[in-house]
Every structure is written in structure tokens, then in C-alpha cells.
Amino acid sequence: MLQAGNTVDPEIFTQRLIDLSPDEHREKMMTIAEQLERIGWEKGRMRGREEGWEKGREESEAVLASRTPRANRGRGGRYSRRGSREWAYTH
């Protein structure tokens, strides 16, 4: 596993590596494992946030497109606020 750089279950691999390490290195290994876990969690959180923003943008565009009269689509118009809740399509 170590030579290939890949494992089916990284948690088991890491725990086994820690278990086989001399006592003086176990605490350092646990700290490294915890740091890697935190980094992975943060990356996952950021990816989820980016995907959420993208999905929200796509859904907003779909809603706006559904409100655009078909004859005006693709003519360079845009939506703008007319009131606190009302949107209007302008050319």
C-alpha cells in the first residue's frame, strides 16, 4: 500500500501505521492524522459551498428565464427591480 500510494480504507491504514510506530512517534503521527482530517474536512466544506452557489445560480437563471417572454429571449435584455418584490424585463 505504501509503495502504491493508494488504499481502499485510509483510516485503517493510518491507524495501523500509528499502531506499528514506536511510542515516541505515536503522538506526532496522531497530530499529523488529525491535521490531514481537518484539511480534508475544510476542502469538502468549500467544495460543497461552491457547488451550492453554482446550483443556486443555475436555479435563479432558470427562474428568470421562465419569466422572460419568449419573443424577448436572447435580445440582450435583462431583469431589474421595479419595486421591492417586482422584477421587470428591460431591453
C-alpha atoms as a PDB file:
ATOM      1  CA  MET A   1       0.000   0.000   0.000  1.00  0.00           C
ATOM      2  CA  LEU A   2       2.758   2.428   0.874  1.00  0.00           C
ATOM      3  CA  GLN A   3       4.534   1.951  -2.469  1.00  0.00           C
ATOM      4  CA  ALA A   4       1.319   2.334  -4.489  1.00  0.00           C
ATOM      5  CA  GLY A   5       0.311   5.461  -2.557  1.00  0.00           C
ATOM      6  CA  ASN A   6      -3.310   4.393  -2.544  1.00  0.00           C
ATOM      7  CA  THR A   7      -5.518   2.378  -0.217  1.00  0.00           C
ATOM      8  CA  VAL A   8      -9.140   1.334  -0.126  1.00  0.00           C
ATOM      9  CA  ASP A   9      -9.544   2.470   3.500  1.00  0.00           C
ATOM     10  CA  PRO A  10      -7.139   5.253   4.509  1.00  0.00           C
ATOM     11  CA  GLU A  11      -8.432   5.302   8.113  1.00  0.00           C
ATOM     12  CA  ILE A  12      -7.484   1.671   8.716  1.00  0.00           C
ATOM     13  CA  PHE A  13      -4.129   2.207   7.005  1.00  0.00           C
ATOM     14  CA  THR A  14      -3.364   5.276   9.123  1.00  0.00           C
ATOM     15  CA  GLN A  15      -4.431   3.587  12.363  1.00  0.00           C
ATOM     16  CA  ARG A  16      -2.323   0.539  11.560  1.00  0.00           C
ATOM     17  CA  LEU A  17       0.668   2.741  10.760  1.00  0.00           C
ATOM     18  CA  ILE A  18       0.222   4.545  14.092  1.00  0.00           C
ATOM     19  CA  ASP A  19      -0.151   1.236  15.965  1.00  0.00           C
ATOM     20  CA  LEU A  20       3.087  -0.097  14.445  1.00  0.00           C
ATOM     21  CA  SER A  21       5.033   3.095  15.198  1.00  0.00           C
ATOM     22  CA  PRO A  22       7.348   3.348  18.183  1.00  0.00           C
ATOM     23  CA  ASP A  23       5.775   5.018  21.226  1.00  0.00           C
ATOM     24  CA  GLU A  24       7.809   8.227  20.826  1.00  0.00           C
ATOM     25  CA  HIS A  25       6.307   8.801  17.338  1.00  0.00           C
ATOM     26  CA  ARG A  26       2.661   7.907  18.013  1.00  0.00           C
ATOM     27  CA  GLU A  27       1.625  11.321  19.307  1.00  0.00           C
ATOM     28  CA  LYS A  28       3.232  13.058  16.311  1.00  0.00           C
ATOM     29  CA  MET A  29       1.517  10.616  13.944  1.00  0.00           C
ATOM     30  CA  MET A  30      -1.856  11.265  15.600  1.00  0.00           C
ATOM     31  CA  THR A  31      -1.323  15.031  15.276  1.00  0.00           C
ATOM     32  CA  ILE A  32      -0.494  14.660  11.576  1.00  0.00           C
ATOM     33  CA  ALA A  33      -3.540  12.415  11.037  1.00  0.00           C
ATOM     34  CA  GLU A  34      -5.788  14.949  12.789  1.00  0.00           C
ATOM     35  CA  GLN A  35      -4.372  17.790  10.683  1.00  0.00           C
ATOM     36  CA  LEU A  36      -4.954  15.847   7.463  1.00  0.00           C
ATOM     37  CA  GLU A  37      -8.510  15.076   8.558  1.00  0.00           C
ATOM     38  CA  ARG A  38      -9.148  18.780   9.274  1.00  0.00           C
ATOM     39  CA  ILE A  39      -7.709  19.795   5.890  1.00  0.00           C
ATOM     40  CA  GLY A  40      -9.913  17.235   4.134  1.00  0.00           C
ATOM     41  CA  TRP A  41     -12.975  18.426   6.044  1.00  0.00           C
ATOM     42  CA  GLU A  42     -12.279  22.065   5.110  1.00  0.00           C
ATOM     43  CA  LYS A  43     -11.767  21.191   1.442  1.00  0.00           C
ATOM     44  CA  GLY A  44     -15.041  19.247   1.426  1.00  0.00           C
ATOM     45  CA  ARG A  45     -16.851  22.139   3.056  1.00  0.00           C
ATOM     46  CA  MET A  46     -15.502  24.604   0.489  1.00  0.00           C
ATOM     47  CA  ARG A  47     -16.409  22.282  -2.396  1.00  0.00           C
ATOM     48  CA  GLY A  48     -19.919  21.912  -1.012  1.00  0.00           C
ATOM     49  CA  ARG A  49     -20.260  25.665  -0.663  1.00  0.00           C
ATOM     50  CA  GLU A  50     -19.084  26.222  -4.257  1.00  0.00           C
ATOM     51  CA  GLU A  51     -21.480  23.578  -5.572  1.00  0.00           C
ATOM     52  CA  GLY A  52     -24.315  25.159  -3.591  1.00  0.00           C
ATOM     53  CA  TRP A  53     -23.584  28.590  -5.036  1.00  0.00           C
ATOM     54  CA  GLU A  54     -23.429  27.142  -8.549  1.00  0.00           C
ATOM     55  CA  LYS A  55     -26.717  25.285  -8.124  1.00  0.00           C
ATOM     56  CA  GLY A  56     -28.375  28.408  -6.705  1.00  0.00           C
ATOM     57  CA  ARG A  57     -27.126  30.487  -9.620  1.00  0.00           C
ATOM     58  CA  GLU A  58     -28.411  27.935 -12.137  1.00  0.00           C
ATOM     59  CA  GLU A  59     -31.802  27.763 -10.435  1.00  0.00           C
ATOM     60  CA  SER A  60     -32.045  31.566 -10.349  1.00  0.00           C
ATOM     61  CA  GLU A  61     -31.220  31.772 -14.040  1.00  0.00           C
ATOM     62  CA  ALA A  62     -33.856  29.150 -14.795  1.00  0.00           C
ATOM     63  CA  VAL A  63     -36.493  31.069 -12.838  1.00  0.00           C
ATOM     64  CA  LEU A  64     -35.592  34.324 -14.558  1.00  0.00           C
ATOM     65  CA  ALA A  65     -35.615  32.658 -17.975  1.00  0.00           C
ATOM     66  CA  SER A  66     -39.060  31.205 -17.302  1.00  0.00           C
ATOM     67  CA  ARG A  67     -40.346  34.708 -16.580  1.00  0.00           C
ATOM     68  CA  THR A  68     -38.884  36.163 -19.774  1.00  0.00           C
ATOM     69  CA  PRO A  69     -41.356  36.410 -22.651  1.00  0.00           C
ATOM     70  CA  ARG A  70     -40.209  34.014 -25.394  1.00  0.00           C
ATOM     71  CA  ALA A  71     -40.154  36.765 -28.015  1.00  0.00           C
ATOM     72  CA  ASN A  72     -37.592  38.752 -25.985  1.00  0.00           C
ATOM     73  CA  ARG A  73     -35.208  35.934 -25.074  1.00  0.00           C
ATOM     74  CA  GLY A  74     -31.703  36.340 -26.415  1.00  0.00           C
ATOM     75  CA  ARG A  75     -32.089  40.002 -27.351  1.00  0.00           C
ATOM     76  CA  GLY A  76     -29.695  41.391 -24.770  1.00  0.00           C
ATOM     77  CA  GLY A  77     -32.339  42.442 -22.266  1.00  0.00           C
ATOM     78  CA  ARG A  78     -32.059  41.994 -18.550  1.00  0.00           C
ATOM     79  CA  TYR A  79     -34.144  41.879 -15.431  1.00  0.00           C
ATOM     80  CA  SER A  80     -34.118  44.756 -12.978  1.00  0.00           C
ATOM     81  CA  ARG A  81     -36.046  45.545  -9.831  1.00  0.00           C
ATOM     82  CA  ARG A  82     -39.025  47.789 -10.267  1.00  0.00           C
ATOM     83  CA  GLY A  83     -40.214  47.643  -6.683  1.00  0.00           C
ATOM     84  CA  SER A  84     -39.402  45.790  -3.503  1.00  0.00           C
ATOM     85  CA  ARG A  85     -40.766  42.499  -4.884  1.00  0.00           C
ATOM     86  CA  GLU A  86     -41.335  43.124  -8.560  1.00  0.00           C
ATOM     87  CA  TRP A  87     -38.883  42.375 -11.368  1.00  0.00           C
ATOM     88  CA  ALA A  88     -39.232  43.801 -14.869  1.00  0.00           C
ATOM     89  CA  TYR A  89     -37.546  42.750 -18.092  1.00  0.00           C
ATOM     90  CA  THR A  90     -35.953  45.650 -19.936  1.00  0.00           C
ATOM     91  CA  HIS A  91     -34.399  45.825 -23.401  1.00  0.00           C
END
